[in-house]
Amino acid sequence: MATADRSRCPINLAVEVLGDRWTLLILRDIAFADRRHFRELLRGSEESITSSILADRLERLTSTGILTRADDPTHRQKARYTLTEKGIELVPVIATVAQWGATHCPVDPEKTDVVLELAYELPATWAHRMDSLRAHHLGQQTTRS
């Protein structure tokens, strides 16, 4: 993934890898539904990803070191995708996106199990930054000390 002409900002670089409609959903299915084969990812997703998009995103996730791809020992024609440590470290990102969605979007209550399982309290540094933004953007006074 070439970023020579782009900002070296960490947010930009992460968006280059994760910022499309499908990537976090694929990682969700691998991490939380244990879908590890192409066909499972293709058929198991309610979002109806196309095979060409799935193939492209799996290639991107493999080339960036988030997934590995290996032949499945149980079937010669299948490949198995596995999270790397780099991929596992995305669990807090997925959990944060899920919590935001559960709070601000009309979700199906039966699909919030990951959110409940991974619920967390904001780190103090994040809460302080958010309070500062509320004061600056919304004119709200902070109540934290």
C-alpha atoms as a PDB file:
ATOM      1  CA  MET A   1       0.000   0.000   0.000  1.00  0.00           C
ATOM      2  CA  ALA A   2       1.750   3.142  -1.200  1.00  0.00           C
ATOM      3  CA  THR A   3       1.469   6.219   0.937  1.00  0.00           C
ATOM      4  CA  ALA A   4       4.402   8.198  -0.511  1.00  0.00           C
ATOM      5  CA  ASP A   5       2.148  10.997  -1.759  1.00  0.00           C
ATOM      6  CA  ARG A   6       0.002  11.041   1.391  1.00  0.00           C
ATOM      7  CA  SER A   7       0.332  12.365   4.883  1.00  0.00           C
ATOM      8  CA  ARG A   8       2.304  10.252   7.330  1.00  0.00           C
ATOM      9  CA  CYS A   9      -0.299  11.135   9.978  1.00  0.00           C
ATOM     10  CA  PRO A  10      -1.190   8.022  12.008  1.00  0.00           C
ATOM     11  CA  ILE A  11      -4.921   8.603  11.475  1.00  0.00           C
ATOM     12  CA  ASN A  12      -4.429   8.876   7.710  1.00  0.00           C
ATOM     13  CA  LEU A  13      -2.308   5.741   7.614  1.00  0.00           C
ATOM     14  CA  ALA A  14      -4.871   3.758   9.631  1.00  0.00           C
ATOM     15  CA  VAL A  15      -7.688   4.991   7.380  1.00  0.00           C
ATOM     16  CA  GLU A  16      -5.677   3.863   4.354  1.00  0.00           C
ATOM     17  CA  VAL A  17      -5.872   0.308   5.740  1.00  0.00           C
ATOM     18  CA  LEU A  18      -9.208   0.257   7.604  1.00  0.00           C
ATOM     19  CA  GLY A  19     -11.269   3.110   6.216  1.00  0.00           C
ATOM     20  CA  ASP A  20     -13.506   1.467   3.657  1.00  0.00           C
ATOM     21  CA  ARG A  21     -17.007   0.097   4.188  1.00  0.00           C
ATOM     22  CA  TRP A  22     -15.970  -3.561   4.418  1.00  0.00           C
ATOM     23  CA  THR A  23     -12.671  -4.013   6.253  1.00  0.00           C
ATOM     24  CA  LEU A  24     -13.902  -3.701   9.843  1.00  0.00           C
ATOM     25  CA  LEU A  25     -16.853  -5.971   9.024  1.00  0.00           C
ATOM     26  CA  ILE A  26     -14.500  -8.651   7.720  1.00  0.00           C
ATOM     27  CA  LEU A  27     -12.361  -8.318  10.845  1.00  0.00           C
ATOM     28  CA  ARG A  28     -15.522  -8.480  12.978  1.00  0.00           C
ATOM     29  CA  ASP A  29     -16.487 -11.753  11.318  1.00  0.00           C
ATOM     30  CA  ILE A  30     -13.019 -13.245  11.761  1.00  0.00           C
ATOM     31  CA  ALA A  31     -12.531 -12.067  15.357  1.00  0.00           C
ATOM     32  CA  PHE A  32     -16.031 -12.533  16.761  1.00  0.00           C
ATOM     33  CA  ALA A  33     -17.737 -15.119  14.535  1.00  0.00           C
ATOM     34  CA  ASP A  34     -14.608 -17.213  13.840  1.00  0.00           C
ATOM     35  CA  ARG A  35     -15.189 -17.163  10.088  1.00  0.00           C
ATOM     36  CA  ARG A  36     -11.785 -18.086   8.736  1.00  0.00           C
ATOM     37  CA  HIS A  37     -12.430 -19.238   5.160  1.00  0.00           C
ATOM     38  CA  PHE A  38     -13.379 -17.190   2.117  1.00  0.00           C
ATOM     39  CA  ARG A  39     -16.716 -18.940   1.651  1.00  0.00           C
ATOM     40  CA  GLU A  40     -17.666 -18.494   5.339  1.00  0.00           C
ATOM     41  CA  LEU A  41     -16.878 -14.789   5.113  1.00  0.00           C
ATOM     42  CA  LEU A  42     -18.781 -14.443   1.844  1.00  0.00           C
ATOM     43  CA  ARG A  43     -21.919 -16.307   2.888  1.00  0.00           C
ATOM     44  CA  GLY A  44     -21.918 -15.525   6.597  1.00  0.00           C
ATOM     45  CA  SER A  45     -22.061 -11.761   6.329  1.00  0.00           C
ATOM     46  CA  GLU A  46     -25.504 -10.165   6.421  1.00  0.00           C
ATOM     47  CA  GLU A  47     -24.093  -7.152   4.612  1.00  0.00           C
ATOM     48  CA  SER A  48     -23.807  -9.058   1.288  1.00  0.00           C
ATOM     49  CA  ILE A  49     -20.217  -8.378   0.356  1.00  0.00           C
ATOM     50  CA  THR A  50     -19.304  -9.363  -3.194  1.00  0.00           C
ATOM     51  CA  SER A  51     -16.634 -11.966  -3.814  1.00  0.00           C
ATOM     52  CA  SER A  52     -14.392  -9.491  -5.646  1.00  0.00           C
ATOM     53  CA  ILE A  53     -14.511  -6.972  -2.806  1.00  0.00           C
ATOM     54  CA  LEU A  54     -13.922  -9.693  -0.218  1.00  0.00           C
ATOM     55  CA  ALA A  55     -10.922 -11.000  -2.174  1.00  0.00           C
ATOM     56  CA  ASP A  56      -9.506  -7.478  -2.465  1.00  0.00           C
ATOM     57  CA  ARG A  57      -9.922  -6.696   1.243  1.00  0.00           C
ATOM     58  CA  LEU A  58      -8.471 -10.045   2.335  1.00  0.00           C
ATOM     59  CA  GLU A  59      -5.463  -9.391   0.097  1.00  0.00           C
ATOM     60  CA  ARG A  60      -5.071  -5.902   1.610  1.00  0.00           C
ATOM     61  CA  LEU A  61      -5.362  -7.221   5.170  1.00  0.00           C
ATOM     62  CA  THR A  62      -2.811  -9.928   4.374  1.00  0.00           C
ATOM     63  CA  SER A  63      -0.375  -7.559   2.667  1.00  0.00           C
ATOM     64  CA  THR A  64      -0.521  -5.135   5.606  1.00  0.00           C
ATOM     65  CA  GLY A  65       0.180  -7.904   8.106  1.00  0.00           C
ATOM     66  CA  ILE A  66      -3.213  -7.875   9.838  1.00  0.00           C
ATOM     67  CA  LEU A  67      -4.069 -11.374   8.607  1.00  0.00           C
ATOM     68  CA  THR A  68      -2.099 -14.346   7.415  1.00  0.00           C
ATOM     69  CA  ARG A  69      -3.318 -16.724   4.736  1.00  0.00           C
ATOM     70  CA  ALA A  70      -2.358 -20.384   4.760  1.00  0.00           C
ATOM     71  CA  ASP A  71      -3.556 -23.545   3.098  1.00  0.00           C
ATOM     72  CA  ASP A  72      -6.151 -25.325   5.192  1.00  0.00           C
ATOM     73  CA  PRO A  73      -4.799 -28.760   6.152  1.00  0.00           C
ATOM     74  CA  THR A  74      -8.310 -30.244   6.057  1.00  0.00           C
ATOM     75  CA  HIS A  75      -9.032 -29.255   2.443  1.00  0.00           C
ATOM     76  CA  ARG A  76      -6.494 -28.702  -0.346  1.00  0.00           C
ATOM     77  CA  GLN A  77      -8.515 -26.035  -2.123  1.00  0.00           C
ATOM     78  CA  LYS A  78      -9.273 -23.894   0.926  1.00  0.00           C
ATOM     79  CA  ALA A  79      -7.241 -21.152   2.493  1.00  0.00           C
ATOM     80  CA  ARG A  80      -7.566 -20.216   6.128  1.00  0.00           C
ATOM     81  CA  TYR A  81      -7.207 -16.632   7.344  1.00  0.00           C
ATOM     82  CA  THR A  82      -5.743 -16.002  10.769  1.00  0.00           C
ATOM     83  CA  LEU A  83      -5.358 -12.807  12.759  1.00  0.00           C
ATOM     84  CA  THR A  84      -1.812 -11.715  13.485  1.00  0.00           C
ATOM     85  CA  GLU A  85      -0.859  -9.861  16.657  1.00  0.00           C
ATOM     86  CA  LYS A  86      -1.329  -6.663  14.651  1.00  0.00           C
ATOM     87  CA  GLY A  87      -4.872  -7.816  13.828  1.00  0.00           C
ATOM     88  CA  ILE A  88      -5.662  -8.838  17.389  1.00  0.00           C
ATOM     89  CA  GLU A  89      -4.626  -5.356  18.535  1.00  0.00           C
ATOM     90  CA  LEU A  90      -7.567  -4.013  16.489  1.00  0.00           C
ATOM     91  CA  VAL A  91     -10.098  -5.523  18.937  1.00  0.00           C
ATOM     92  CA  PRO A  92     -10.273  -2.255  20.971  1.00  0.00           C
ATOM     93  CA  VAL A  93     -10.846  -0.308  17.743  1.00  0.00           C
ATOM     94  CA  ILE A  94     -13.688  -2.618  16.705  1.00  0.00           C
ATOM     95  CA  ALA A  95     -15.140  -2.483  20.236  1.00  0.00           C
ATOM     96  CA  THR A  96     -15.039   1.319  20.237  1.00  0.00           C
ATOM     97  CA  VAL A  97     -16.754   1.515  16.843  1.00  0.00           C
ATOM     98  CA  ALA A  98     -19.354  -0.989  18.054  1.00  0.00           C
ATOM     99  CA  GLN A  99     -20.031   0.987  21.241  1.00  0.00           C
ATOM    100  CA  TRP A 100     -20.453   4.192  19.270  1.00  0.00           C
ATOM    101  CA  GLY A 101     -22.858   2.440  16.881  1.00  0.00           C
ATOM    102  CA  ALA A 102     -24.858   0.927  19.734  1.00  0.00           C
ATOM    103  CA  THR A 103     -25.186   4.349  21.345  1.00  0.00           C
ATOM    104  CA  HIS A 104     -25.912   6.495  18.291  1.00  0.00           C
ATOM    105  CA  CYS A 105     -27.510   4.234  15.665  1.00  0.00           C
ATOM    106  CA  PRO A 106     -30.766   2.254  15.488  1.00  0.00           C
ATOM    107  CA  VAL A 107     -29.204  -1.150  16.150  1.00  0.00           C
ATOM    108  CA  ASP A 108     -30.859  -4.517  16.495  1.00  0.00           C
ATOM    109  CA  PRO A 109     -30.697  -5.203  20.255  1.00  0.00           C
ATOM    110  CA  GLU A 110     -29.951  -8.858  19.534  1.00  0.00           C
ATOM    111  CA  LYS A 111     -26.706  -7.814  17.831  1.00  0.00           C
ATOM    112  CA  THR A 112     -25.128  -5.918  20.688  1.00  0.00           C
ATOM    113  CA  ASP A 113     -23.512  -8.921  22.376  1.00  0.00           C
ATOM    114  CA  VAL A 114     -19.993  -7.838  21.375  1.00  0.00           C
ATOM    115  CA  VAL A 115     -20.675  -4.346  22.691  1.00  0.00           C
ATOM    116  CA  LEU A 116     -21.860  -5.705  26.029  1.00  0.00           C
ATOM    117  CA  GLU A 117     -19.010  -8.201  26.191  1.00  0.00           C
ATOM    118  CA  LEU A 118     -16.364  -5.568  25.496  1.00  0.00           C
ATOM    119  CA  ALA A 119     -17.940  -2.605  27.304  1.00  0.00           C
ATOM    120  CA  TYR A 120     -15.345  -0.319  28.791  1.00  0.00           C
ATOM    121  CA  GLU A 121     -14.945   2.918  30.639  1.00  0.00           C
ATOM    122  CA  LEU A 122     -13.269   5.695  28.705  1.00  0.00           C
ATOM    123  CA  PRO A 123      -9.685   6.336  29.710  1.00  0.00           C
ATOM    124  CA  ALA A 124      -9.363   9.572  31.706  1.00  0.00           C
ATOM    125  CA  THR A 125      -7.285  11.178  28.951  1.00  0.00           C
ATOM    126  CA  TRP A 126     -10.045  10.531  26.389  1.00  0.00           C
ATOM    127  CA  ALA A 127     -12.764  11.803  28.733  1.00  0.00           C
ATOM    128  CA  HIS A 128     -10.758  14.980  29.413  1.00  0.00           C
ATOM    129  CA  ARG A 129     -10.237  15.607  25.681  1.00  0.00           C
ATOM    130  CA  MET A 130     -13.953  15.040  25.012  1.00  0.00           C
ATOM    131  CA  ASP A 131     -14.907  17.448  27.817  1.00  0.00           C
ATOM    132  CA  SER A 132     -12.591  20.059  26.304  1.00  0.00           C
ATOM    133  CA  LEU A 133     -14.233  19.559  22.911  1.00  0.00           C
ATOM    134  CA  ARG A 134     -17.712  19.856  24.448  1.00  0.00           C
ATOM    135  CA  ALA A 135     -16.699  23.152  26.044  1.00  0.00           C
ATOM    136  CA  HIS A 136     -15.174  24.471  22.843  1.00  0.00           C
ATOM    137  CA  HIS A 137     -17.745  23.203  20.320  1.00  0.00           C
ATOM    138  CA  LEU A 138     -20.949  23.034  22.355  1.00  0.00           C
ATOM    139  CA  GLY A 139     -20.325  25.674  24.984  1.00  0.00           C
ATOM    140  CA  GLN A 140     -20.777  23.098  27.748  1.00  0.00           C
ATOM    141  CA  GLN A 141     -18.959  23.484  31.026  1.00  0.00           C
ATOM    142  CA  THR A 142     -17.105  20.425  32.255  1.00  0.00           C
ATOM    143  CA  THR A 143     -17.991  18.854  35.564  1.00  0.00           C
ATOM    144  CA  ARG A 144     -14.893  16.666  35.932  1.00  0.00           C
ATOM    145  CA  SER A 145     -11.937  17.862  37.892  1.00  0.00           C
END
